[in-house]
Amino acid sequence: MSIERIVMAFAGFMIMLTIALGVAESPIFHHHYWLYFTAFIGFNLFQSAFTGFCPLALILKKMGKQPGAAF
């Protein structure tokens, strides 16, 4: 799996998890402050589209994962 696909999968998973933890109607609700982390993930995805900087991509590259075409 390429770096791009891992980043997209991780971001999607974290968004779903933090929404489940932050929405009061969720069975695993913890605290509404989790929604700030959801916003942080969205902001990071938005800025990486323009700057190309993604902390997770840097970590994965150092771990030896190969970049590739996402689509």
PDB file of N, CA and C in Angstrom:
ATOM      1  N   MET A   1       0.853  -1.168   0.000  1.00  0.00           N
ATOM      2  CA  MET A   1       0.000   0.000   0.000  1.00  0.00           C
ATOM      3  C   MET A   1       0.903   1.237   0.000  1.00  0.00           C
ATOM      4  N   SER A   2       0.559   2.210  -0.820  1.00  0.00           N
ATOM      5  CA  SER A   2       1.384   3.407  -0.948  1.00  0.00           C
ATOM      6  C   SER A   2       1.129   4.385   0.202  1.00  0.00           C
ATOM      7  N   ILE A   3       2.051   5.337   0.350  1.00  0.00           N
ATOM      8  CA  ILE A   3       1.935   6.347   1.395  1.00  0.00           C
ATOM      9  C   ILE A   3       0.622   7.110   1.273  1.00  0.00           C
ATOM     10  N   GLU A   4       0.259   7.485   0.060  1.00  0.00           N
ATOM     11  CA  GLU A   4      -0.951   8.276  -0.140  1.00  0.00           C
ATOM     12  C   GLU A   4      -2.194   7.531   0.328  1.00  0.00           C
ATOM     13  N   ARG A   5      -2.260   6.255   0.007  1.00  0.00           N
ATOM     14  CA  ARG A   5      -3.438   5.469   0.409  1.00  0.00           C
ATOM     15  C   ARG A   5      -3.479   5.240   1.911  1.00  0.00           C
ATOM     16  N   ILE A   6      -2.323   5.053   2.520  1.00  0.00           N
ATOM     17  CA  ILE A   6      -2.279   4.891   3.976  1.00  0.00           C
ATOM     18  C   ILE A   6      -2.737   6.176   4.653  1.00  0.00           C
ATOM     19  N   VAL A   7      -2.279   7.325   4.154  1.00  0.00           N
ATOM     20  CA  VAL A   7      -2.681   8.611   4.732  1.00  0.00           C
ATOM     21  C   VAL A   7      -4.191   8.797   4.612  1.00  0.00           C
ATOM     22  N   MET A   8      -4.750   8.508   3.444  1.00  0.00           N
ATOM     23  CA  MET A   8      -6.197   8.666   3.269  1.00  0.00           C
ATOM     24  C   MET A   8      -6.982   7.709   4.161  1.00  0.00           C
ATOM     25  N   ALA A   9      -6.527   6.464   4.272  1.00  0.00           N
ATOM     26  CA  ALA A   9      -7.214   5.491   5.123  1.00  0.00           C
ATOM     27  C   ALA A   9      -7.136   5.896   6.591  1.00  0.00           C
ATOM     28  N   PHE A  10      -5.961   6.336   7.024  1.00  0.00           N
ATOM     29  CA  PHE A  10      -5.790   6.750   8.414  1.00  0.00           C
ATOM     30  C   PHE A  10      -6.640   7.979   8.735  1.00  0.00           C
ATOM     31  N   ALA A  11      -6.625   8.963   7.837  1.00  0.00           N
ATOM     32  CA  ALA A  11      -7.428  10.171   8.058  1.00  0.00           C
ATOM     33  C   ALA A  11      -8.917   9.827   8.121  1.00  0.00           C
ATOM     34  N   GLY A  12      -9.375   8.993   7.216  1.00  0.00           N
ATOM     35  CA  GLY A  12     -10.781   8.586   7.232  1.00  0.00           C
ATOM     36  C   GLY A  12     -11.161   7.862   8.508  1.00  0.00           C
ATOM     37  N   PHE A  13     -10.305   6.951   8.948  1.00  0.00           N
ATOM     38  CA  PHE A  13     -10.561   6.217  10.188  1.00  0.00           C
ATOM     39  C   PHE A  13     -10.603   7.159  11.385  1.00  0.00           C
ATOM     40  N   MET A  14      -9.627   8.070  11.454  1.00  0.00           N
ATOM     41  CA  MET A  14      -9.570   8.992  12.592  1.00  0.00           C
ATOM     42  C   MET A  14     -10.767   9.942  12.603  1.00  0.00           C
ATOM     43  N   ILE A  15     -11.212  10.381  11.446  1.00  0.00           N
ATOM     44  CA  ILE A  15     -12.394  11.244  11.390  1.00  0.00           C
ATOM     45  C   ILE A  15     -13.619  10.496  11.896  1.00  0.00           C
ATOM     46  N   MET A  16     -13.810   9.265  11.437  1.00  0.00           N
ATOM     47  CA  MET A  16     -14.967   8.486  11.907  1.00  0.00           C
ATOM     48  C   MET A  16     -14.890   8.224  13.410  1.00  0.00           C
ATOM     49  N   LEU A  17     -13.684   7.899  13.897  1.00  0.00           N
ATOM     50  CA  LEU A  17     -13.512   7.622  15.327  1.00  0.00           C
ATOM     51  C   LEU A  17     -13.783   8.857  16.176  1.00  0.00           C
ATOM     52  N   THR A  18     -13.205  10.009  15.796  1.00  0.00           N
ATOM     53  CA  THR A  18     -13.382  11.205  16.609  1.00  0.00           C
ATOM     54  C   THR A  18     -14.812  11.735  16.554  1.00  0.00           C
ATOM     55  N   ILE A  19     -15.498  11.533  15.448  1.00  0.00           N
ATOM     56  CA  ILE A  19     -16.918  11.911  15.401  1.00  0.00           C
ATOM     57  C   ILE A  19     -17.716  11.008  16.333  1.00  0.00           C
ATOM     58  N   ALA A  20     -17.420   9.714  16.317  1.00  0.00           N
ATOM     59  CA  ALA A  20     -18.126   8.785  17.206  1.00  0.00           C
ATOM     60  C   ALA A  20     -17.855   9.112  18.672  1.00  0.00           C
ATOM     61  N   LEU A  21     -16.651   9.565  18.967  1.00  0.00           N
ATOM     62  CA  LEU A  21     -16.330   9.917  20.350  1.00  0.00           C
ATOM     63  C   LEU A  21     -16.873  11.287  20.752  1.00  0.00           C
ATOM     64  N   GLY A  22     -17.180  12.146  19.777  1.00  0.00           N
ATOM     65  CA  GLY A  22     -17.570  13.514  20.086  1.00  0.00           C
ATOM     66  C   GLY A  22     -19.045  13.846  19.949  1.00  0.00           C
ATOM     67  N   VAL A  23     -19.816  12.965  19.336  1.00  0.00           N
ATOM     68  CA  VAL A  23     -21.246  13.228  19.145  1.00  0.00           C
ATOM     69  C   VAL A  23     -22.023  12.537  20.261  1.00  0.00           C
ATOM     70  N   ALA A  24     -22.864  13.282  20.937  1.00  0.00           N
ATOM     71  CA  ALA A  24     -23.555  12.775  22.133  1.00  0.00           C
ATOM     72  C   ALA A  24     -24.458  11.585  21.849  1.00  0.00           C
ATOM     73  N   GLU A  25     -24.979  11.463  20.646  1.00  0.00           N
ATOM     74  CA  GLU A  25     -25.886  10.354  20.325  1.00  0.00           C
ATOM     75  C   GLU A  25     -25.150   9.056  20.044  1.00  0.00           C
ATOM     76  N   SER A  26     -23.829   9.096  19.996  1.00  0.00           N
ATOM     77  CA  SER A  26     -23.029   7.910  19.694  1.00  0.00           C
ATOM     78  C   SER A  26     -22.967   6.976  20.904  1.00  0.00           C
ATOM     79  N   PRO A  27     -22.964   5.677  20.652  1.00  0.00           N
ATOM     80  CA  PRO A  27     -22.857   4.736  21.784  1.00  0.00           C
ATOM     81  C   PRO A  27     -21.490   4.761  22.466  1.00  0.00           C
ATOM     82  N   ILE A  28     -20.468   5.292  21.811  1.00  0.00           N
ATOM     83  CA  ILE A  28     -19.145   5.367  22.443  1.00  0.00           C
ATOM     84  C   ILE A  28     -18.758   6.816  22.755  1.00  0.00           C
ATOM     85  N   PHE A  29     -19.756   7.670  22.937  1.00  0.00           N
ATOM     86  CA  PHE A  29     -19.509   9.082  23.232  1.00  0.00           C
ATOM     87  C   PHE A  29     -18.617   9.223  24.452  1.00  0.00           C
ATOM     88  N   HIS A  30     -17.638  10.105  24.329  1.00  0.00           N
ATOM     89  CA  HIS A  30     -16.734  10.384  25.443  1.00  0.00           C
ATOM     90  C   HIS A  30     -16.854  11.843  25.875  1.00  0.00           C
ATOM     91  N   HIS A  31     -16.552  12.773  24.947  1.00  0.00           N
ATOM     92  CA  HIS A  31     -16.629  14.196  25.245  1.00  0.00           C
ATOM     93  C   HIS A  31     -16.701  14.961  23.934  1.00  0.00           C
ATOM     94  N   HIS A  32     -17.408  16.069  23.937  1.00  0.00           N
ATOM     95  CA  HIS A  32     -17.570  16.824  22.686  1.00  0.00           C
ATOM     96  C   HIS A  32     -16.268  17.484  22.223  1.00  0.00           C
ATOM     97  N   TYR A  33     -15.262  17.545  23.073  1.00  0.00           N
ATOM     98  CA  TYR A  33     -13.966  18.113  22.671  1.00  0.00           C
ATOM     99  C   TYR A  33     -13.270  17.289  21.585  1.00  0.00           C
ATOM    100  N   TRP A  34     -13.682  16.041  21.396  1.00  0.00           N
ATOM    101  CA  TRP A  34     -13.110  15.231  20.323  1.00  0.00           C
ATOM    102  C   TRP A  34     -13.380  15.850  18.954  1.00  0.00           C
ATOM    103  N   LEU A  35     -14.417  16.645  18.849  1.00  0.00           N
ATOM    104  CA  LEU A  35     -14.726  17.276  17.565  1.00  0.00           C
ATOM    105  C   LEU A  35     -13.662  18.288  17.163  1.00  0.00           C
ATOM    106  N   TYR A  36     -12.922  18.822  18.121  1.00  0.00           N
ATOM    107  CA  TYR A  36     -11.798  19.704  17.780  1.00  0.00           C
ATOM    108  C   TYR A  36     -10.702  18.914  17.056  1.00  0.00           C
ATOM    109  N   PHE A  37     -10.503  17.682  17.457  1.00  0.00           N
ATOM    110  CA  PHE A  37      -9.512  16.848  16.772  1.00  0.00           C
ATOM    111  C   PHE A  37      -9.977  16.534  15.351  1.00  0.00           C
ATOM    112  N   THR A  38     -11.275  16.335  15.175  1.00  0.00           N
ATOM    113  CA  THR A  38     -11.830  16.134  13.832  1.00  0.00           C
ATOM    114  C   THR A  38     -11.548  17.351  12.967  1.00  0.00           C
ATOM    115  N   ALA A  39     -11.740  18.540  13.515  1.00  0.00           N
ATOM    116  CA  ALA A  39     -11.458  19.773  12.772  1.00  0.00           C
ATOM    117  C   ALA A  39      -9.973  19.888  12.451  1.00  0.00           C
ATOM    118  N   PHE A  40      -9.104  19.494  13.377  1.00  0.00           N
ATOM    119  CA  PHE A  40      -7.669  19.516  13.134  1.00  0.00           C
ATOM    120  C   PHE A  40      -7.289  18.609  11.966  1.00  0.00           C
ATOM    121  N   ILE A  41      -7.878  17.432  11.911  1.00  0.00           N
ATOM    122  CA  ILE A  41      -7.602  16.503  10.813  1.00  0.00           C
ATOM    123  C   ILE A  41      -8.047  17.115   9.489  1.00  0.00           C
ATOM    124  N   GLY A  42      -9.235  17.705   9.475  1.00  0.00           N
ATOM    125  CA  GLY A  42      -9.726  18.350   8.258  1.00  0.00           C
ATOM    126  C   GLY A  42      -8.842  19.496   7.826  1.00  0.00           C
ATOM    127  N   PHE A  43      -8.405  20.307   8.781  1.00  0.00           N
ATOM    128  CA  PHE A  43      -7.513  21.417   8.464  1.00  0.00           C
ATOM    129  C   PHE A  43      -6.186  20.901   7.916  1.00  0.00           C
ATOM    130  N   ASN A  44      -5.648  19.841   8.504  1.00  0.00           N
ATOM    131  CA  ASN A  44      -4.390  19.277   8.032  1.00  0.00           C
ATOM    132  C   ASN A  44      -4.529  18.738   6.612  1.00  0.00           C
ATOM    133  N   LEU A  45      -5.630  18.083   6.306  1.00  0.00           N
ATOM    134  CA  LEU A  45      -5.858  17.596   4.945  1.00  0.00           C
ATOM    135  C   LEU A  45      -5.956  18.763   3.967  1.00  0.00           C
ATOM    136  N   PHE A  46      -6.636  19.815   4.378  1.00  0.00           N
ATOM    137  CA  PHE A  46      -6.805  20.997   3.526  1.00  0.00           C
ATOM    138  C   PHE A  46      -5.460  21.667   3.245  1.00  0.00           C
ATOM    139  N   GLN A  47      -4.662  21.903   4.282  1.00  0.00           N
ATOM    140  CA  GLN A  47      -3.381  22.575   4.066  1.00  0.00           C
ATOM    141  C   GLN A  47      -2.413  21.690   3.291  1.00  0.00           C
ATOM    142  N   SER A  48      -2.473  20.383   3.473  1.00  0.00           N
ATOM    143  CA  SER A  48      -1.548  19.515   2.742  1.00  0.00           C
ATOM    144  C   SER A  48      -1.869  19.472   1.251  1.00  0.00           C
ATOM    145  N   ALA A  49      -3.107  19.756   0.892  1.00  0.00           N
ATOM    146  CA  ALA A  49      -3.463  19.817  -0.527  1.00  0.00           C
ATOM    147  C   ALA A  49      -2.750  20.969  -1.219  1.00  0.00           C
ATOM    148  N   PHE A  50      -2.468  22.045  -0.487  1.00  0.00           N
ATOM    149  CA  PHE A  50      -1.820  23.214  -1.074  1.00  0.00           C
ATOM    150  C   PHE A  50      -0.312  23.236  -0.853  1.00  0.00           C
ATOM    151  N   THR A  51       0.142  22.726   0.289  1.00  0.00           N
ATOM    152  CA  THR A  51       1.566  22.824   0.620  1.00  0.00           C
ATOM    153  C   THR A  51       2.339  21.541   0.336  1.00  0.00           C
ATOM    154  N   GLY A  52       1.642  20.426   0.306  1.00  0.00           N
ATOM    155  CA  GLY A  52       2.315  19.142   0.130  1.00  0.00           C
ATOM    156  C   GLY A  52       2.950  18.618   1.408  1.00  0.00           C
ATOM    157  N   PHE A  53       2.785  19.324   2.522  1.00  0.00           N
ATOM    158  CA  PHE A  53       3.359  18.904   3.800  1.00  0.00           C
ATOM    159  C   PHE A  53       2.347  18.071   4.571  1.00  0.00           C
ATOM    160  N   CYS A  54       2.728  16.847   4.912  1.00  0.00           N
ATOM    161  CA  CYS A  54       1.879  15.966   5.708  1.00  0.00           C
ATOM    162  C   CYS A  54       2.770  15.221   6.704  1.00  0.00           C
ATOM    163  N   PRO A  55       2.581  15.467   7.994  1.00  0.00           N
ATOM    164  CA  PRO A  55       3.431  14.800   8.993  1.00  0.00           C
ATOM    165  C   PRO A  55       3.383  13.274   8.916  1.00  0.00           C
ATOM    166  N   LEU A  56       2.201  12.707   8.698  1.00  0.00           N
ATOM    167  CA  LEU A  56       2.094  11.250   8.618  1.00  0.00           C
ATOM    168  C   LEU A  56       2.856  10.719   7.408  1.00  0.00           C
ATOM    169  N   ALA A  57       2.819  11.420   6.292  1.00  0.00           N
ATOM    170  CA  ALA A  57       3.557  10.981   5.104  1.00  0.00           C
ATOM    171  C   ALA A  57       5.057  10.975   5.370  1.00  0.00           C
ATOM    172  N   LEU A  58       5.543  11.970   6.106  1.00  0.00           N
ATOM    173  CA  LEU A  58       6.966  11.992   6.451  1.00  0.00           C
ATOM    174  C   LEU A  58       7.347  10.807   7.333  1.00  0.00           C
ATOM    175  N   ILE A  59       6.496  10.495   8.297  1.00  0.00           N
ATOM    176  CA  ILE A  59       6.747   9.356   9.188  1.00  0.00           C
ATOM    177  C   ILE A  59       6.749   8.050   8.399  1.00  0.00           C
ATOM    178  N   LEU A  60       5.769   7.887   7.513  1.00  0.00           N
ATOM    179  CA  LEU A  60       5.687   6.656   6.723  1.00  0.00           C
ATOM    180  C   LEU A  60       6.880   6.521   5.786  1.00  0.00           C
ATOM    181  N   LYS A  61       7.337   7.640   5.226  1.00  0.00           N
ATOM    182  CA  LYS A  61       8.498   7.596   4.336  1.00  0.00           C
ATOM    183  C   LYS A  61       9.741   7.157   5.092  1.00  0.00           C
ATOM    184  N   LYS A  62       9.904   7.656   6.329  1.00  0.00           N
ATOM    185  CA  LYS A  62      11.046   7.248   7.151  1.00  0.00           C
ATOM    186  C   LYS A  62      10.951   5.780   7.568  1.00  0.00           C
ATOM    187  N   MET A  63       9.727   5.247   7.612  1.00  0.00           N
ATOM    188  CA  MET A  63       9.529   3.839   7.951  1.00  0.00           C
ATOM    189  C   MET A  63       9.763   2.920   6.750  1.00  0.00           C
ATOM    190  N   GLY A  64       9.993   3.520   5.575  1.00  0.00           N
ATOM    191  CA  GLY A  64      10.312   2.709   4.404  1.00  0.00           C
ATOM    192  C   GLY A  64       9.177   2.476   3.434  1.00  0.00           C
ATOM    193  N   LYS A  65       8.027   3.078   3.673  1.00  0.00           N
ATOM    194  CA  LYS A  65       6.913   2.926   2.743  1.00  0.00           C
ATOM    195  C   LYS A  65       7.218   3.696   1.457  1.00  0.00           C
ATOM    196  N   GLN A  66       6.721   3.176   0.355  1.00  0.00           N
ATOM    197  CA  GLN A  66       6.978   3.784  -0.948  1.00  0.00           C
ATOM    198  C   GLN A  66       5.821   4.671  -1.382  1.00  0.00           C
ATOM    199  N   PRO A  67       6.125   5.842  -1.929  1.00  0.00           N
ATOM    200  CA  PRO A  67       5.049   6.682  -2.484  1.00  0.00           C
ATOM    201  C   PRO A  67       4.533   6.073  -3.782  1.00  0.00           C
ATOM    202  N   GLY A  68       3.318   6.430  -4.120  1.00  0.00           N
ATOM    203  CA  GLY A  68       2.728   5.934  -5.348  1.00  0.00           C
ATOM    204  C   GLY A  68       1.540   6.767  -5.752  1.00  0.00           C
ATOM    205  N   ALA A  69       0.960   6.446  -6.863  1.00  0.00           N
ATOM    206  CA  ALA A  69      -0.227   7.159  -7.336  1.00  0.00           C
ATOM    207  C   ALA A  69      -1.428   6.733  -6.508  1.00  0.00           C
ATOM    208  N   ALA A  70      -2.142   7.713  -5.980  1.00  0.00           N
ATOM    209  CA  ALA A  70      -3.301   7.394  -5.137  1.00  0.00           C
ATOM    210  C   ALA A  70      -4.484   6.906  -5.970  1.00  0.00           C
ATOM    211  N   PHE A  71      -4.581   7.371  -7.199  1.00  0.00           N
ATOM    212  CA  PHE A  71      -5.725   6.985  -8.033  1.00  0.00           C
ATOM    213  C   PHE A  71      -5.262   6.506  -9.384  1.00  0.00           C
TER     214      PHE A  71
END
